[in-house]
Amino acid sequence: MADYLVKCCRCRNKHLESERVKKPSNKYGCYGNELVCPRCACTTYYRIEEIKEPQEQNL
């Protein structure tokens, strides 16, 4: 699974999607979790680029 470099729509903080924090939510009347920005707790973001893990080469 690839990780993505994302940018927060509110504070413009660049971070990895895996660094986003889970926050309890009651959005639309159902309880669950949302991933939020670690700096400002904003829920909206956009992807900048995909970070690929280096693959091992078998020789």
C-alpha atoms as a PDB file:
ATOM      1  CA  MET A   1       0.000   0.000   0.000  1.00  0.00           C
ATOM      2  CA  ALA A   2       1.384   3.365  -1.013  1.00  0.00           C
ATOM      3  CA  ASP A   3       1.357   6.391   1.238  1.00  0.00           C
ATOM      4  CA  TYR A   4       0.426   9.829  -0.095  1.00  0.00           C
ATOM      5  CA  LEU A   5       1.847  13.264   0.582  1.00  0.00           C
ATOM      6  CA  VAL A   6      -1.185  15.425   1.354  1.00  0.00           C
ATOM      7  CA  LYS A   7      -1.807  19.106   1.998  1.00  0.00           C
ATOM      8  CA  CYS A   8      -4.375  20.477   4.467  1.00  0.00           C
ATOM      9  CA  CYS A   9      -6.942  22.836   2.934  1.00  0.00           C
ATOM     10  CA  ARG A  10      -7.035  25.110   6.007  1.00  0.00           C
ATOM     11  CA  CYS A  11      -3.458  25.510   7.279  1.00  0.00           C
ATOM     12  CA  ARG A  12      -1.576  24.229   4.174  1.00  0.00           C
ATOM     13  CA  ASN A  13       0.429  21.793   6.302  1.00  0.00           C
ATOM     14  CA  LYS A  14       2.154  19.155   4.174  1.00  0.00           C
ATOM     15  CA  HIS A  15       2.246  15.722   5.783  1.00  0.00           C
ATOM     16  CA  LEU A  16       1.785  12.045   4.967  1.00  0.00           C
ATOM     17  CA  GLU A  17      -1.699  10.590   4.870  1.00  0.00           C
ATOM     18  CA  SER A  18      -0.597   7.991   7.428  1.00  0.00           C
ATOM     19  CA  GLU A  19       0.317  10.813   9.870  1.00  0.00           C
ATOM     20  CA  ARG A  20      -3.291  12.036  10.045  1.00  0.00           C
ATOM     21  CA  VAL A  21      -4.941  11.604  13.449  1.00  0.00           C
ATOM     22  CA  LYS A  22      -8.189   9.679  14.070  1.00  0.00           C
ATOM     23  CA  LYS A  23     -10.849  11.842  15.708  1.00  0.00           C
ATOM     24  CA  PRO A  24     -14.297  10.631  16.869  1.00  0.00           C
ATOM     25  CA  SER A  25     -17.088  12.012  14.696  1.00  0.00           C
ATOM     26  CA  ASN A  26     -20.874  12.162  14.651  1.00  0.00           C
ATOM     27  CA  LYS A  27     -21.099  13.190  11.007  1.00  0.00           C
ATOM     28  CA  TYR A  28     -24.484  12.505   9.376  1.00  0.00           C
ATOM     29  CA  GLY A  29     -25.827  10.926  12.584  1.00  0.00           C
ATOM     30  CA  CYS A  30     -23.580   7.876  12.599  1.00  0.00           C
ATOM     31  CA  TYR A  31     -20.653   7.504  14.957  1.00  0.00           C
ATOM     32  CA  GLY A  32     -17.226   6.767  13.565  1.00  0.00           C
ATOM     33  CA  ASN A  33     -13.765   8.227  13.093  1.00  0.00           C
ATOM     34  CA  GLU A  34     -12.409  10.870  10.769  1.00  0.00           C
ATOM     35  CA  LEU A  35      -8.807  11.445   9.801  1.00  0.00           C
ATOM     36  CA  VAL A  36      -7.815  15.021  10.634  1.00  0.00           C
ATOM     37  CA  CYS A  37      -4.786  17.247  10.163  1.00  0.00           C
ATOM     38  CA  PRO A  38      -2.252  16.837  12.996  1.00  0.00           C
ATOM     39  CA  ARG A  39      -1.772  20.621  13.206  1.00  0.00           C
ATOM     40  CA  CYS A  40      -5.254  22.200  12.948  1.00  0.00           C
ATOM     41  CA  ALA A  41      -7.724  19.247  13.087  1.00  0.00           C
ATOM     42  CA  CYS A  42      -9.227  20.090   9.677  1.00  0.00           C
ATOM     43  CA  THR A  43     -10.910  17.169   7.911  1.00  0.00           C
ATOM     44  CA  THR A  44     -10.378  18.279   4.285  1.00  0.00           C
ATOM     45  CA  TYR A  45      -7.158  17.741   2.374  1.00  0.00           C
ATOM     46  CA  TYR A  46      -5.911  16.955  -1.093  1.00  0.00           C
ATOM     47  CA  ARG A  47      -3.270  14.567  -2.359  1.00  0.00           C
ATOM     48  CA  ILE A  48      -0.082  15.999  -3.778  1.00  0.00           C
ATOM     49  CA  GLU A  49       1.890  12.906  -4.773  1.00  0.00           C
ATOM     50  CA  GLU A  50       2.220   9.215  -4.102  1.00  0.00           C
ATOM     51  CA  ILE A  51       5.179   8.102  -1.994  1.00  0.00           C
ATOM     52  CA  LYS A  52       6.327   4.707  -3.197  1.00  0.00           C
ATOM     53  CA  GLU A  53       8.306   2.368  -1.006  1.00  0.00           C
ATOM     54  CA  PRO A  54      11.601   1.209  -2.507  1.00  0.00           C
ATOM     55  CA  GLN A  55      11.205  -2.283  -3.905  1.00  0.00           C
ATOM     56  CA  GLU A  56      13.783  -4.966  -3.351  1.00  0.00           C
ATOM     57  CA  GLN A  57      15.437  -6.384  -6.447  1.00  0.00           C
ATOM     58  CA  ASN A  58      16.135 -10.080  -6.488  1.00  0.00           C
ATOM     59  CA  LEU A  59      19.233 -10.856  -8.528  1.00  0.00           C
END
